[in-house]
Structure formats: structure tokens, C-alpha cells
Amino acid sequence: APGINYGIDFRGGVDAQIGVKPGANLDISVLRNAVEAKLPG
């Protein structure tokens, strides 16, 4: 308590890497909100 924050190596799941090309600036908060709305957690 609170417990170890296990990575994907130990708890299983999907790890995705997204590349944004130069000139197409993307704010992380916008991306986070968009992803979490469809993929909670």
C-alpha cells in the first residue's frame, strides 16, 4: 500500500509508440484525454 507500479513487462498489456511528424505539434494533455476517453486506465 500503495503498491508497486508494475510495467507492462510484469502485468501484461499493450505498449504502443506514437510518432508525431515535425510541424504537427501535439499537446500531451490533449492526447491523454483523447486516449483515456476510449481506453480507461
PDB file of all heavy atoms in Angstrom:
ATOM      1  N   ALA A   1       0.866  -1.186   0.000  1.00  0.00           N
ATOM      2  CA  ALA A   1       0.000   0.000   0.000  1.00  0.00           C
ATOM      3  C   ALA A   1       0.904   1.238   0.000  1.00  0.00           C
ATOM      4  O   ALA A   1       1.599   1.474   0.989  1.00  0.00           O
ATOM      5  CB  ALA A   1      -0.916   0.018   1.218  1.00  0.00           C
ATOM      6  N   PRO A   2       0.971   1.992  -1.082  1.00  0.00           N
ATOM      7  CA  PRO A   2       0.085   1.967  -2.262  1.00  0.00           C
ATOM      8  C   PRO A   2       0.375   0.876  -3.278  1.00  0.00           C
ATOM      9  O   PRO A   2      -0.423   0.622  -4.171  1.00  0.00           O
ATOM     10  CB  PRO A   2       0.317   3.344  -2.873  1.00  0.00           C
ATOM     11  CG  PRO A   2       1.716   3.692  -2.507  1.00  0.00           C
ATOM     12  CD  PRO A   2       1.930   3.113  -1.129  1.00  0.00           C
ATOM     13  N   GLY A   3       1.531   0.221  -3.189  1.00  0.00           N
ATOM     14  CA  GLY A   3       1.844  -0.859  -4.111  1.00  0.00           C
ATOM     15  C   GLY A   3       2.791  -0.445  -5.220  1.00  0.00           C
ATOM     16  O   GLY A   3       2.964   0.728  -5.515  1.00  0.00           O
ATOM     17  N   ILE A   4       3.402  -1.456  -5.826  1.00  0.00           N
ATOM     18  CA  ILE A   4       4.374  -1.229  -6.898  1.00  0.00           C
ATOM     19  C   ILE A   4       3.650  -0.953  -8.219  1.00  0.00           C
ATOM     20  O   ILE A   4       2.664  -1.609  -8.549  1.00  0.00           O
ATOM     21  CB  ILE A   4       5.293  -2.460  -7.058  1.00  0.00           C
ATOM     22  CG1 ILE A   4       6.108  -2.667  -5.775  1.00  0.00           C
ATOM     23  CG2 ILE A   4       6.225  -2.303  -8.248  1.00  0.00           C
ATOM     24  CD1 ILE A   4       6.950  -3.934  -5.791  1.00  0.00           C
ATOM     25  N   ASN A   5       4.164   0.012  -8.943  1.00  0.00           N
ATOM     26  CA  ASN A   5       3.615   0.344 -10.258  1.00  0.00           C
ATOM     27  C   ASN A   5       4.300  -0.542 -11.312  1.00  0.00           C
ATOM     28  O   ASN A   5       5.282  -0.159 -11.936  1.00  0.00           O
ATOM     29  CB  ASN A   5       3.863   1.828 -10.564  1.00  0.00           C
ATOM     30  CG  ASN A   5       3.399   2.210 -11.965  1.00  0.00           C
ATOM     31  OD1 ASN A   5       2.494   1.605 -12.514  1.00  0.00           O
ATOM     32  ND2 ASN A   5       4.055   3.205 -12.545  1.00  0.00           N
ATOM     33  N   TYR A   6       3.767  -1.750 -11.468  1.00  0.00           N
ATOM     34  CA  TYR A   6       4.371  -2.696 -12.396  1.00  0.00           C
ATOM     35  C   TYR A   6       4.217  -2.209 -13.834  1.00  0.00           C
ATOM     36  O   TYR A   6       3.166  -1.714 -14.236  1.00  0.00           O
ATOM     37  CB  TYR A   6       3.720  -4.073 -12.271  1.00  0.00           C
ATOM     38  CG  TYR A   6       4.117  -4.817 -11.012  1.00  0.00           C
ATOM     39  CD1 TYR A   6       3.210  -4.998  -9.969  1.00  0.00           C
ATOM     40  CD2 TYR A   6       5.395  -5.340 -10.878  1.00  0.00           C
ATOM     41  CE1 TYR A   6       3.570  -5.679  -8.824  1.00  0.00           C
ATOM     42  CE2 TYR A   6       5.763  -6.017  -9.723  1.00  0.00           C
ATOM     43  CZ  TYR A   6       4.848  -6.180  -8.704  1.00  0.00           C
ATOM     44  OH  TYR A   6       5.213  -6.845  -7.565  1.00  0.00           O
ATOM     45  N   GLY A   7       5.283  -2.383 -14.607  1.00  0.00           N
ATOM     46  CA  GLY A   7       5.236  -2.028 -16.016  1.00  0.00           C
ATOM     47  C   GLY A   7       4.557  -3.116 -16.827  1.00  0.00           C
ATOM     48  O   GLY A   7       4.174  -4.167 -16.307  1.00  0.00           O
ATOM     49  N   ILE A   8       4.454  -2.871 -18.103  1.00  0.00           N
ATOM     50  CA  ILE A   8       3.786  -3.822 -18.980  1.00  0.00           C
ATOM     51  C   ILE A   8       4.491  -5.173 -19.002  1.00  0.00           C
ATOM     52  O   ILE A   8       3.871  -6.214 -19.246  1.00  0.00           O
ATOM     53  CB  ILE A   8       3.680  -3.230 -20.408  1.00  0.00           C
ATOM     54  CG1 ILE A   8       2.778  -4.096 -21.281  1.00  0.00           C
ATOM     55  CG2 ILE A   8       5.047  -3.075 -21.033  1.00  0.00           C
ATOM     56  CD1 ILE A   8       2.528  -3.510 -22.642  1.00  0.00           C
ATOM     57  N   ASP A   9       5.802  -5.175 -18.718  1.00  0.00           N
ATOM     58  CA  ASP A   9       6.560  -6.421 -18.700  1.00  0.00           C
ATOM     59  C   ASP A   9       6.001  -7.402 -17.675  1.00  0.00           C
ATOM     60  O   ASP A   9       6.069  -8.618 -17.868  1.00  0.00           O
ATOM     61  CB  ASP A   9       8.035  -6.151 -18.361  1.00  0.00           C
ATOM     62  CG  ASP A   9       8.693  -5.259 -19.389  1.00  0.00           C
ATOM     63  OD1 ASP A   9       8.183  -5.209 -20.521  1.00  0.00           O
ATOM     64  OD2 ASP A   9       9.692  -4.611 -19.061  1.00  0.00           O
ATOM     65  N   PHE A  10       5.491  -6.855 -16.555  1.00  0.00           N
ATOM     66  CA  PHE A  10       5.081  -7.701 -15.438  1.00  0.00           C
ATOM     67  C   PHE A  10       3.571  -7.837 -15.274  1.00  0.00           C
ATOM     68  O   PHE A  10       3.105  -8.782 -14.653  1.00  0.00           O
ATOM     69  CB  PHE A  10       5.682  -7.168 -14.137  1.00  0.00           C
ATOM     70  CG  PHE A  10       7.176  -7.209 -14.116  1.00  0.00           C
ATOM     71  CD1 PHE A  10       7.917  -6.047 -13.941  1.00  0.00           C
ATOM     72  CD2 PHE A  10       7.862  -8.393 -14.285  1.00  0.00           C
ATOM     73  CE1 PHE A  10       9.297  -6.074 -13.932  1.00  0.00           C
ATOM     74  CE2 PHE A  10       9.237  -8.440 -14.280  1.00  0.00           C
ATOM     75  CZ  PHE A  10       9.962  -7.277 -14.097  1.00  0.00           C
ATOM     76  N   ARG A  11       2.802  -6.907 -15.776  1.00  0.00           N
ATOM     77  CA  ARG A  11       1.352  -7.017 -15.591  1.00  0.00           C
ATOM     78  C   ARG A  11       0.618  -7.349 -16.883  1.00  0.00           C
ATOM     79  O   ARG A  11      -0.575  -7.629 -16.879  1.00  0.00           O
ATOM     80  CB  ARG A  11       0.781  -5.715 -15.015  1.00  0.00           C
ATOM     81  CG  ARG A  11       1.036  -4.462 -15.807  1.00  0.00           C
ATOM     82  CD  ARG A  11       0.523  -3.240 -15.061  1.00  0.00           C
ATOM     83  NE  ARG A  11       0.981  -1.996 -15.656  1.00  0.00           N
ATOM     84  CZ  ARG A  11       0.354  -1.365 -16.637  1.00  0.00           C
ATOM     85  NH1 ARG A  11      -0.754  -1.858 -17.117  1.00  0.00           N
ATOM     86  NH2 ARG A  11       0.832  -0.240 -17.112  1.00  0.00           N
ATOM     87  N   GLY A  12       1.335  -7.363 -17.992  1.00  0.00           N
ATOM     88  CA  GLY A  12       0.710  -7.675 -19.259  1.00  0.00           C
ATOM     89  C   GLY A  12      -0.017  -6.477 -19.837  1.00  0.00           C
ATOM     90  O   GLY A  12      -0.390  -5.551 -19.125  1.00  0.00           O
ATOM     91  N   GLY A  13      -0.230  -6.490 -21.132  1.00  0.00           N
ATOM     92  CA  GLY A  13      -0.924  -5.392 -21.786  1.00  0.00           C
ATOM     93  C   GLY A  13      -0.285  -5.039 -23.115  1.00  0.00           C
ATOM     94  O   GLY A  13       0.519  -5.804 -23.648  1.00  0.00           O
ATOM     95  N   VAL A  14      -0.649  -3.876 -23.618  1.00  0.00           N
ATOM     96  CA  VAL A  14      -0.166  -3.430 -24.921  1.00  0.00           C
ATOM     97  C   VAL A  14       0.636  -2.146 -24.763  1.00  0.00           C
ATOM     98  O   VAL A  14       0.242  -1.243 -24.029  1.00  0.00           O
ATOM     99  CB  VAL A  14      -1.345  -3.202 -25.893  1.00  0.00           C
ATOM    100  CG1 VAL A  14      -0.856  -2.648 -27.224  1.00  0.00           C
ATOM    101  CG2 VAL A  14      -2.104  -4.503 -26.124  1.00  0.00           C
ATOM    102  N   ASP A  15       1.746  -2.094 -25.464  1.00  0.00           N
ATOM    103  CA  ASP A  15       2.636  -0.938 -25.438  1.00  0.00           C
ATOM    104  C   ASP A  15       2.694  -0.369 -26.853  1.00  0.00           C
ATOM    105  O   ASP A  15       3.150  -1.048 -27.772  1.00  0.00           O
ATOM    106  CB  ASP A  15       4.028  -1.392 -24.985  1.00  0.00           C
ATOM    107  CG  ASP A  15       4.811  -0.270 -24.361  1.00  0.00           C
ATOM    108  OD1 ASP A  15       4.231   0.803 -24.155  1.00  0.00           O
ATOM    109  OD2 ASP A  15       6.006  -0.472 -24.081  1.00  0.00           O
ATOM    110  N   ALA A  16       2.209   0.860 -27.043  1.00  0.00           N
ATOM    111  CA  ALA A  16       2.165   1.471 -28.372  1.00  0.00           C
ATOM    112  C   ALA A  16       3.008   2.739 -28.401  1.00  0.00           C
ATOM    113  O   ALA A  16       2.935   3.558 -27.482  1.00  0.00           O
ATOM    114  CB  ALA A  16       0.722   1.799 -28.762  1.00  0.00           C
ATOM    115  N   GLN A  17       3.820   2.883 -29.441  1.00  0.00           N
ATOM    116  CA  GLN A  17       4.635   4.088 -29.609  1.00  0.00           C
ATOM    117  C   GLN A  17       4.084   4.904 -30.776  1.00  0.00           C
ATOM    118  O   GLN A  17       3.939   4.399 -31.888  1.00  0.00           O
ATOM    119  CB  GLN A  17       6.094   3.731 -29.863  1.00  0.00           C
ATOM    120  CG  GLN A  17       6.988   4.956 -30.006  1.00  0.00           C
ATOM    121  CD  GLN A  17       8.448   4.580 -30.167  1.00  0.00           C
ATOM    122  OE1 GLN A  17       8.927   3.641 -29.557  1.00  0.00           O
ATOM    123  NE2 GLN A  17       9.151   5.330 -31.000  1.00  0.00           N
ATOM    124  N   ILE A  18       3.778   6.174 -30.502  1.00  0.00           N
ATOM    125  CA  ILE A  18       3.203   7.077 -31.498  1.00  0.00           C
ATOM    126  C   ILE A  18       4.220   8.143 -31.866  1.00  0.00           C
ATOM    127  O   ILE A  18       4.785   8.793 -30.981  1.00  0.00           O
ATOM    128  CB  ILE A  18       1.923   7.741 -30.962  1.00  0.00           C
ATOM    129  CG1 ILE A  18       0.885   6.678 -30.591  1.00  0.00           C
ATOM    130  CG2 ILE A  18       1.354   8.721 -31.964  1.00  0.00           C
ATOM    131  CD1 ILE A  18      -0.279   7.225 -29.796  1.00  0.00           C
ATOM    132  N   GLY A  19       4.476   8.304 -33.145  1.00  0.00           N
ATOM    133  CA  GLY A  19       5.388   9.335 -33.618  1.00  0.00           C
ATOM    134  C   GLY A  19       4.623  10.465 -34.294  1.00  0.00           C
ATOM    135  O   GLY A  19       3.756  10.206 -35.132  1.00  0.00           O
ATOM    136  N   VAL A  20       4.907  11.697 -33.903  1.00  0.00           N
ATOM    137  CA  VAL A  20       4.272  12.869 -34.498  1.00  0.00           C
ATOM    138  C   VAL A  20       5.316  13.594 -35.340  1.00  0.00           C
ATOM    139  O   VAL A  20       6.399  13.938 -34.851  1.00  0.00           O
ATOM    140  CB  VAL A  20       3.699  13.813 -33.412  1.00  0.00           C
ATOM    141  CG1 VAL A  20       3.045  15.031 -34.049  1.00  0.00           C
ATOM    142  CG2 VAL A  20       2.695  13.065 -32.541  1.00  0.00           C
ATOM    143  N   LYS A  21       5.011  13.822 -36.583  1.00  0.00           N
ATOM    144  CA  LYS A  21       5.978  14.397 -37.509  1.00  0.00           C
ATOM    145  C   LYS A  21       6.244  15.876 -37.215  1.00  0.00           C
ATOM    146  O   LYS A  21       5.396  16.558 -36.630  1.00  0.00           O
ATOM    147  CB  LYS A  21       5.472  14.229 -38.944  1.00  0.00           C
ATOM    148  CG  LYS A  21       5.342  12.763 -39.346  1.00  0.00           C
ATOM    149  CD  LYS A  21       4.863  12.599 -40.771  1.00  0.00           C
ATOM    150  CE  LYS A  21       4.765  11.118 -41.124  1.00  0.00           C
ATOM    151  NZ  LYS A  21       4.297  10.915 -42.511  1.00  0.00           N
ATOM    152  N   PRO A  22       7.426  16.386 -37.605  1.00  0.00           N
ATOM    153  CA  PRO A  22       7.760  17.800 -37.375  1.00  0.00           C
ATOM    154  C   PRO A  22       6.711  18.729 -37.973  1.00  0.00           C
ATOM    155  O   PRO A  22       6.222  18.509 -39.085  1.00  0.00           O
ATOM    156  CB  PRO A  22       9.114  17.957 -38.085  1.00  0.00           C
ATOM    157  CG  PRO A  22       9.689  16.581 -38.108  1.00  0.00           C
ATOM    158  CD  PRO A  22       8.533  15.649 -38.244  1.00  0.00           C
ATOM    159  N   GLY A  23       6.355  19.745 -37.212  1.00  0.00           N
ATOM    160  CA  GLY A  23       5.374  20.711 -37.670  1.00  0.00           C
ATOM    161  C   GLY A  23       3.964  20.406 -37.217  1.00  0.00           C
ATOM    162  O   GLY A  23       3.098  21.284 -37.215  1.00  0.00           O
ATOM    163  N   ALA A  24       3.734  19.168 -36.804  1.00  0.00           N
ATOM    164  CA  ALA A  24       2.399  18.777 -36.320  1.00  0.00           C
ATOM    165  C   ALA A  24       2.460  18.643 -34.806  1.00  0.00           C
ATOM    166  O   ALA A  24       2.482  17.554 -34.252  1.00  0.00           O
ATOM    167  CB  ALA A  24       1.962  17.471 -36.963  1.00  0.00           C
ATOM    168  N   ASN A  25       2.523  19.744 -34.124  1.00  0.00           N
ATOM    169  CA  ASN A  25       2.682  19.741 -32.678  1.00  0.00           C
ATOM    170  C   ASN A  25       1.423  19.194 -31.996  1.00  0.00           C
ATOM    171  O   ASN A  25       0.300  19.565 -32.336  1.00  0.00           O
ATOM    172  CB  ASN A  25       2.971  21.159 -32.174  1.00  0.00           C
ATOM    173  CG  ASN A  25       3.358  21.164 -30.709  1.00  0.00           C
ATOM    174  OD1 ASN A  25       4.154  20.336 -30.278  1.00  0.00           O
ATOM    175  ND2 ASN A  25       2.797  22.079 -29.954  1.00  0.00           N
ATOM    176  N   LEU A  26       1.635  18.292 -31.019  1.00  0.00           N
ATOM    177  CA  LEU A  26       0.517  17.682 -30.295  1.00  0.00           C
ATOM    178  C   LEU A  26       0.773  17.809 -28.798  1.00  0.00           C
ATOM    179  O   LEU A  26       1.817  17.367 -28.300  1.00  0.00           O
ATOM    180  CB  LEU A  26       0.377  16.210 -30.678  1.00  0.00           C
ATOM    181  CG  LEU A  26      -0.708  15.410 -29.950  1.00  0.00           C
ATOM    182  CD1 LEU A  26      -2.098  15.983 -30.244  1.00  0.00           C
ATOM    183  CD2 LEU A  26      -0.653  13.939 -30.361  1.00  0.00           C
ATOM    184  N   ASP A  27      -0.164  18.416 -28.099  1.00  0.00           N
ATOM    185  CA  ASP A  27      -0.044  18.576 -26.653  1.00  0.00           C
ATOM    186  C   ASP A  27      -0.377  17.251 -25.968  1.00  0.00           C
ATOM    187  O   ASP A  27      -1.368  16.603 -26.309  1.00  0.00           O
ATOM    188  CB  ASP A  27      -0.990  19.670 -26.158  1.00  0.00           C
ATOM    189  CG  ASP A  27      -0.766  19.972 -24.687  1.00  0.00           C
ATOM    190  OD1 ASP A  27       0.163  20.739 -24.376  1.00  0.00           O
ATOM    191  OD2 ASP A  27      -1.511  19.430 -23.857  1.00  0.00           O
ATOM    192  N   ILE A  28       0.462  16.847 -25.003  1.00  0.00           N
ATOM    193  CA  ILE A  28       0.272  15.545 -24.355  1.00  0.00           C
ATOM    194  C   ILE A  28      -1.053  15.464 -23.604  1.00  0.00           C
ATOM    195  O   ILE A  28      -1.669  14.402 -23.530  1.00  0.00           O
ATOM    196  CB  ILE A  28       1.458  15.218 -23.410  1.00  0.00           C
ATOM    197  CG1 ILE A  28       1.326  13.780 -22.889  1.00  0.00           C
ATOM    198  CG2 ILE A  28       1.536  16.215 -22.270  1.00  0.00           C
ATOM    199  CD1 ILE A  28       2.534  13.306 -22.110  1.00  0.00           C
ATOM    200  N   SER A  29      -1.517  16.567 -23.029  1.00  0.00           N
ATOM    201  CA  SER A  29      -2.791  16.540 -22.301  1.00  0.00           C
ATOM    202  C   SER A  29      -3.956  16.266 -23.248  1.00  0.00           C
ATOM    203  O   SER A  29      -4.907  15.558 -22.888  1.00  0.00           O
ATOM    204  CB  SER A  29      -3.004  17.868 -21.567  1.00  0.00           C
ATOM    205  OG  SER A  29      -3.052  18.950 -22.481  1.00  0.00           O
ATOM    206  N   VAL A  30      -3.878  16.812 -24.465  1.00  0.00           N
ATOM    207  CA  VAL A  30      -4.925  16.553 -25.462  1.00  0.00           C
ATOM    208  C   VAL A  30      -4.921  15.076 -25.847  1.00  0.00           C
ATOM    209  O   VAL A  30      -5.979  14.426 -25.938  1.00  0.00           O
ATOM    210  CB  VAL A  30      -4.713  17.436 -26.708  1.00  0.00           C
ATOM    211  CG1 VAL A  30      -5.715  17.075 -27.804  1.00  0.00           C
ATOM    212  CG2 VAL A  30      -4.822  18.910 -26.344  1.00  0.00           C
ATOM    213  N   LEU A  31      -3.712  14.537 -26.086  1.00  0.00           N
ATOM    214  CA  LEU A  31      -3.593  13.123 -26.438  1.00  0.00           C
ATOM    215  C   LEU A  31      -4.077  12.240 -25.295  1.00  0.00           C
ATOM    216  O   LEU A  31      -4.811  11.263 -25.511  1.00  0.00           O
ATOM    217  CB  LEU A  31      -2.141  12.798 -26.788  1.00  0.00           C
ATOM    218  CG  LEU A  31      -1.817  11.327 -27.043  1.00  0.00           C
ATOM    219  CD1 LEU A  31      -2.617  10.798 -28.227  1.00  0.00           C
ATOM    220  CD2 LEU A  31      -0.322  11.129 -27.283  1.00  0.00           C
ATOM    221  N   ARG A  32      -3.673  12.580 -24.075  1.00  0.00           N
ATOM    222  CA  ARG A  32      -4.056  11.772 -22.918  1.00  0.00           C
ATOM    223  C   ARG A  32      -5.580  11.744 -22.747  1.00  0.00           C
ATOM    224  O   ARG A  32      -6.162  10.680 -22.507  1.00  0.00           O
ATOM    225  CB  ARG A  32      -3.373  12.313 -21.658  1.00  0.00           C
ATOM    226  CG  ARG A  32      -3.640  11.468 -20.421  1.00  0.00           C
ATOM    227  CD  ARG A  32      -2.888  11.978 -19.205  1.00  0.00           C
ATOM    228  NE  ARG A  32      -1.468  11.703 -19.301  1.00  0.00           N
ATOM    229  CZ  ARG A  32      -0.515  12.621 -19.318  1.00  0.00           C
ATOM    230  NH1 ARG A  32      -0.847  13.909 -19.264  1.00  0.00           N
ATOM    231  NH2 ARG A  32       0.754  12.286 -19.372  1.00  0.00           N
ATOM    232  N   ASN A  33      -6.202  12.893 -22.854  1.00  0.00           N
ATOM    233  CA  ASN A  33      -7.661  12.954 -22.699  1.00  0.00           C
ATOM    234  C   ASN A  33      -8.378  12.167 -23.792  1.00  0.00           C
ATOM    235  O   ASN A  33      -9.361  11.475 -23.542  1.00  0.00           O
ATOM    236  CB  ASN A  33      -8.134  14.412 -22.711  1.00  0.00           C
ATOM    237  CG  ASN A  33      -7.669  15.186 -21.487  1.00  0.00           C
ATOM    238  OD1 ASN A  33      -7.426  14.601 -20.434  1.00  0.00           O
ATOM    239  ND2 ASN A  33      -7.528  16.490 -21.628  1.00  0.00           N
ATOM    240  N   ALA A  34      -7.844  12.263 -25.024  1.00  0.00           N
ATOM    241  CA  ALA A  34      -8.473  11.559 -26.139  1.00  0.00           C
ATOM    242  C   ALA A  34      -8.355  10.046 -26.001  1.00  0.00           C
ATOM    243  O   ALA A  34      -9.302   9.303 -26.275  1.00  0.00           O
ATOM    244  CB  ALA A  34      -7.839  12.019 -27.456  1.00  0.00           C
ATOM    245  N   VAL A  35      -7.182   9.595 -25.561  1.00  0.00           N
ATOM    246  CA  VAL A  35      -6.961   8.149 -25.411  1.00  0.00           C
ATOM    247  C   VAL A  35      -7.733   7.600 -24.216  1.00  0.00           C
ATOM    248  O   VAL A  35      -8.387   6.554 -24.302  1.00  0.00           O
ATOM    249  CB  VAL A  35      -5.452   7.850 -25.280  1.00  0.00           C
ATOM    250  CG1 VAL A  35      -5.229   6.396 -24.896  1.00  0.00           C
ATOM    251  CG2 VAL A  35      -4.734   8.165 -26.581  1.00  0.00           C
ATOM    252  N   GLU A  36      -7.658   8.315 -23.072  1.00  0.00           N
ATOM    253  CA  GLU A  36      -8.317   7.822 -21.862  1.00  0.00           C
ATOM    254  C   GLU A  36      -9.837   7.800 -22.013  1.00  0.00           C
ATOM    255  O   GLU A  36     -10.515   7.006 -21.350  1.00  0.00           O
ATOM    256  CB  GLU A  36      -7.924   8.690 -20.670  1.00  0.00           C
ATOM    257  CG  GLU A  36      -6.488   8.469 -20.221  1.00  0.00           C
ATOM    258  CD  GLU A  36      -6.134   9.307 -19.010  1.00  0.00           C
ATOM    259  OE1 GLU A  36      -6.919  10.216 -18.662  1.00  0.00           O
ATOM    260  OE2 GLU A  36      -5.068   9.045 -18.410  1.00  0.00           O
ATOM    261  N   ALA A  37     -10.386   8.653 -22.875  1.00  0.00           N
ATOM    262  CA  ALA A  37     -11.835   8.643 -23.096  1.00  0.00           C
ATOM    263  C   ALA A  37     -12.291   7.341 -23.746  1.00  0.00           C
ATOM    264  O   ALA A  37     -13.410   6.865 -23.502  1.00  0.00           O
ATOM    265  CB  ALA A  37     -12.229   9.823 -23.977  1.00  0.00           C
ATOM    266  N   LYS A  38     -11.427   6.728 -24.541  1.00  0.00           N
ATOM    267  CA  LYS A  38     -11.782   5.482 -25.216  1.00  0.00           C
ATOM    268  C   LYS A  38     -11.098   4.267 -24.602  1.00  0.00           C
ATOM    269  O   LYS A  38     -11.512   3.128 -24.838  1.00  0.00           O
ATOM    270  CB  LYS A  38     -11.394   5.576 -26.695  1.00  0.00           C
ATOM    271  CG  LYS A  38     -12.170   6.642 -27.468  1.00  0.00           C
ATOM    272  CD  LYS A  38     -11.734   6.684 -28.907  1.00  0.00           C
ATOM    273  CE  LYS A  38     -12.566   7.689 -29.715  1.00  0.00           C
ATOM    274  NZ  LYS A  38     -13.973   7.264 -29.840  1.00  0.00           N
ATOM    275  N   LEU A  39     -10.023   4.517 -23.825  1.00  0.00           N
ATOM    276  CA  LEU A  39      -9.264   3.415 -23.230  1.00  0.00           C
ATOM    277  C   LEU A  39      -8.957   3.750 -21.772  1.00  0.00           C
ATOM    278  O   LEU A  39      -7.845   4.174 -21.444  1.00  0.00           O
ATOM    279  CB  LEU A  39      -7.968   3.206 -24.020  1.00  0.00           C
ATOM    280  CG  LEU A  39      -7.254   1.869 -23.879  1.00  0.00           C
ATOM    281  CD1 LEU A  39      -8.149   0.739 -24.380  1.00  0.00           C
ATOM    282  CD2 LEU A  39      -5.955   1.882 -24.665  1.00  0.00           C
ATOM    283  N   PRO A  40      -9.943   3.593 -20.868  1.00  0.00           N
ATOM    284  CA  PRO A  40      -9.747   3.963 -19.455  1.00  0.00           C
ATOM    285  C   PRO A  40      -8.563   3.218 -18.829  1.00  0.00           C
ATOM    286  O   PRO A  40      -8.363   2.029 -19.066  1.00  0.00           O
ATOM    287  CB  PRO A  40     -11.069   3.526 -18.798  1.00  0.00           C
ATOM    288  CG  PRO A  40     -12.060   3.522 -19.911  1.00  0.00           C
ATOM    289  CD  PRO A  40     -11.293   3.092 -21.130  1.00  0.00           C
ATOM    290  N   GLY A  41      -7.789   3.954 -18.038  1.00  0.00           N
ATOM    291  CA  GLY A  41      -6.649   3.351 -17.355  1.00  0.00           C
ATOM    292  C   GLY A  41      -5.361   3.375 -18.156  1.00  0.00           C
ATOM    293  O   GLY A  41      -4.310   2.954 -17.658  1.00  0.00           O
TER     294      GLY A  41
END
